[in-house]
Amino acid sequence: MIDWEYYKKRRNIKLVSLIKRHDISTYQQLVELLNSKNVGAPPEEEFKIAHKIAMPKVKTTPPAKKASKAPPKNKTTPKRRGRPRKAKG
């Protein structure tokens, strides 16, 4: 079985990207995936850190009440800056 450190350096892969790509939610899923590839799993602490980065908890907040919109201001187009025209003559 190949060591995890050697595998990640050889394949230039990060644990966070592996977790995201295969949608891994538990350490056991990671172990099964890597065993199928004949690779030893990283320590569980390393997995926990990478999993927090890869799958952050999403805070659910109630939708904010929409404030009444103020009428839009009349926008004036700015004067175009360009090269002055040549005078005929």
C-alpha atoms as a PDB file:
ATOM      1  CA  MET A   1       0.000   0.000   0.000  1.00  0.00           C
ATOM      2  CA  ILE A   2       1.248   3.475  -0.909  1.00  0.00           C
ATOM      3  CA  ASP A   3       1.755   6.051   1.846  1.00  0.00           C
ATOM      4  CA  TRP A   4      -0.585   9.086   1.769  1.00  0.00           C
ATOM      5  CA  GLU A   5       2.269  11.616   1.954  1.00  0.00           C
ATOM      6  CA  TYR A   6       3.992  10.060  -1.052  1.00  0.00           C
ATOM      7  CA  TYR A   7       0.712   9.834  -3.000  1.00  0.00           C
ATOM      8  CA  LYS A   8      -0.278  13.481  -2.444  1.00  0.00           C
ATOM      9  CA  LYS A   9       3.181  14.738  -3.419  1.00  0.00           C
ATOM     10  CA  ARG A  10       3.412  12.459  -6.439  1.00  0.00           C
ATOM     11  CA  ARG A  11      -0.081  13.343  -7.712  1.00  0.00           C
ATOM     12  CA  ASN A  12       0.172  16.977  -6.568  1.00  0.00           C
ATOM     13  CA  ILE A  13      -3.193  16.674  -4.855  1.00  0.00           C
ATOM     14  CA  LYS A  14      -4.537  18.338  -1.745  1.00  0.00           C
ATOM     15  CA  LEU A  15      -6.845  16.625   0.718  1.00  0.00           C
ATOM     16  CA  VAL A  16      -9.299  19.535   0.536  1.00  0.00           C
ATOM     17  CA  SER A  17      -9.691  19.181  -3.235  1.00  0.00           C
ATOM     18  CA  LEU A  18     -10.068  15.393  -2.925  1.00  0.00           C
ATOM     19  CA  ILE A  19     -12.854  15.864  -0.370  1.00  0.00           C
ATOM     20  CA  LYS A  20     -14.646  18.378  -2.598  1.00  0.00           C
ATOM     21  CA  ARG A  21     -14.285  16.342  -5.792  1.00  0.00           C
ATOM     22  CA  HIS A  22     -15.656  13.123  -4.312  1.00  0.00           C
ATOM     23  CA  ASP A  23     -18.127  14.815  -1.935  1.00  0.00           C
ATOM     24  CA  ILE A  24     -16.713  13.019   1.100  1.00  0.00           C
ATOM     25  CA  SER A  25     -18.487  13.686   4.375  1.00  0.00           C
ATOM     26  CA  THR A  26     -16.910  11.128   6.752  1.00  0.00           C
ATOM     27  CA  TYR A  27     -13.461   9.801   7.451  1.00  0.00           C
ATOM     28  CA  GLN A  28     -14.708   6.286   6.694  1.00  0.00           C
ATOM     29  CA  GLN A  29     -15.688   7.342   3.155  1.00  0.00           C
ATOM     30  CA  LEU A  30     -12.190   8.720   2.641  1.00  0.00           C
ATOM     31  CA  VAL A  31     -10.599   5.508   3.889  1.00  0.00           C
ATOM     32  CA  GLU A  32     -12.757   3.408   1.537  1.00  0.00           C
ATOM     33  CA  LEU A  33     -11.939   5.622  -1.449  1.00  0.00           C
ATOM     34  CA  LEU A  34      -8.204   5.538  -0.795  1.00  0.00           C
ATOM     35  CA  ASN A  35      -8.232   1.787  -0.100  1.00  0.00           C
ATOM     36  CA  SER A  36      -9.787   1.239  -3.530  1.00  0.00           C
ATOM     37  CA  LYS A  37      -6.784   3.109  -4.958  1.00  0.00           C
ATOM     38  CA  ASN A  38      -4.373   1.122  -2.764  1.00  0.00           C
ATOM     39  CA  VAL A  39      -3.353   4.238  -0.815  1.00  0.00           C
ATOM     40  CA  GLY A  40      -3.091   4.585   2.949  1.00  0.00           C
ATOM     41  CA  ALA A  41      -5.360   7.171   4.548  1.00  0.00           C
ATOM     42  CA  PRO A  42      -4.059  10.344   6.228  1.00  0.00           C
ATOM     43  CA  PRO A  43      -4.521  10.802   9.982  1.00  0.00           C
ATOM     44  CA  GLU A  44      -8.076  11.533  11.071  1.00  0.00           C
ATOM     45  CA  GLU A  45      -7.054  14.906  12.531  1.00  0.00           C
ATOM     46  CA  GLU A  46      -5.749  15.990   9.123  1.00  0.00           C
ATOM     47  CA  PHE A  47      -9.067  14.912   7.602  1.00  0.00           C
ATOM     48  CA  LYS A  48     -11.077  16.922  10.158  1.00  0.00           C
ATOM     49  CA  ILE A  49      -9.107  20.092   9.411  1.00  0.00           C
ATOM     50  CA  ALA A  50      -9.395  19.636   5.645  1.00  0.00           C
ATOM     51  CA  HIS A  51     -13.104  18.800   5.894  1.00  0.00           C
ATOM     52  CA  LYS A  52     -13.809  22.045   7.769  1.00  0.00           C
ATOM     53  CA  ILE A  53     -12.096  23.958   4.967  1.00  0.00           C
ATOM     54  CA  ALA A  54     -13.717  21.997   2.135  1.00  0.00           C
ATOM     55  CA  MET A  55     -17.249  21.860   3.529  1.00  0.00           C
ATOM     56  CA  PRO A  56     -17.831  24.930   5.729  1.00  0.00           C
ATOM     57  CA  LYS A  57     -21.047  25.071   7.707  1.00  0.00           C
ATOM     58  CA  VAL A  58     -23.549  27.356   6.058  1.00  0.00           C
ATOM     59  CA  LYS A  59     -25.327  29.693   8.406  1.00  0.00           C
ATOM     60  CA  THR A  60     -29.008  29.822   7.724  1.00  0.00           C
ATOM     61  CA  THR A  61     -30.462  33.235   8.303  1.00  0.00           C
ATOM     62  CA  PRO A  62     -34.072  34.186   7.754  1.00  0.00           C
ATOM     63  CA  PRO A  63     -34.570  36.269   4.636  1.00  0.00           C
ATOM     64  CA  ALA A  64     -34.348  39.966   5.341  1.00  0.00           C
ATOM     65  CA  LYS A  65     -37.403  42.077   4.815  1.00  0.00           C
ATOM     66  CA  LYS A  66     -37.147  44.118   1.676  1.00  0.00           C
ATOM     67  CA  ALA A  67     -37.096  47.813   2.328  1.00  0.00           C
ATOM     68  CA  SER A  68     -39.197  49.973   0.080  1.00  0.00           C
ATOM     69  CA  LYS A  69     -37.059  51.226  -2.729  1.00  0.00           C
ATOM     70  CA  ALA A  70     -36.523  54.933  -3.098  1.00  0.00           C
ATOM     71  CA  PRO A  71     -37.298  56.264  -6.550  1.00  0.00           C
ATOM     72  CA  PRO A  72     -34.202  56.143  -8.741  1.00  0.00           C
ATOM     73  CA  LYS A  73     -32.312  59.363  -9.197  1.00  0.00           C
ATOM     74  CA  ASN A  74     -32.169  60.856 -12.655  1.00  0.00           C
ATOM     75  CA  LYS A  75     -28.859  59.794 -13.991  1.00  0.00           C
ATOM     76  CA  THR A  76     -26.971  62.239 -16.096  1.00  0.00           C
ATOM     77  CA  THR A  77     -24.527  60.892 -18.562  1.00  0.00           C
ATOM     78  CA  PRO A  78     -21.045  62.183 -18.019  1.00  0.00           C
ATOM     79  CA  LYS A  79     -19.509  64.346 -20.687  1.00  0.00           C
ATOM     80  CA  ARG A  80     -17.453  62.207 -23.006  1.00  0.00           C
ATOM     81  CA  ARG A  81     -13.820  62.884 -23.065  1.00  0.00           C
ATOM     82  CA  GLY A  82     -12.335  62.471 -26.450  1.00  0.00           C
ATOM     83  CA  ARG A  83      -9.859  63.863 -28.809  1.00  0.00           C
ATOM     84  CA  PRO A  84     -10.849  67.346 -29.987  1.00  0.00           C
ATOM     85  CA  ARG A  85     -11.995  67.484 -33.576  1.00  0.00           C
ATOM     86  CA  LYS A  86      -9.821  69.080 -36.170  1.00  0.00           C
ATOM     87  CA  ALA A  87     -10.982  72.496 -37.329  1.00  0.00           C
ATOM     88  CA  LYS A  88     -11.832  72.721 -40.998  1.00  0.00           C
ATOM     89  CA  GLY A  89      -9.849  75.240 -42.832  1.00  0.00           C
END
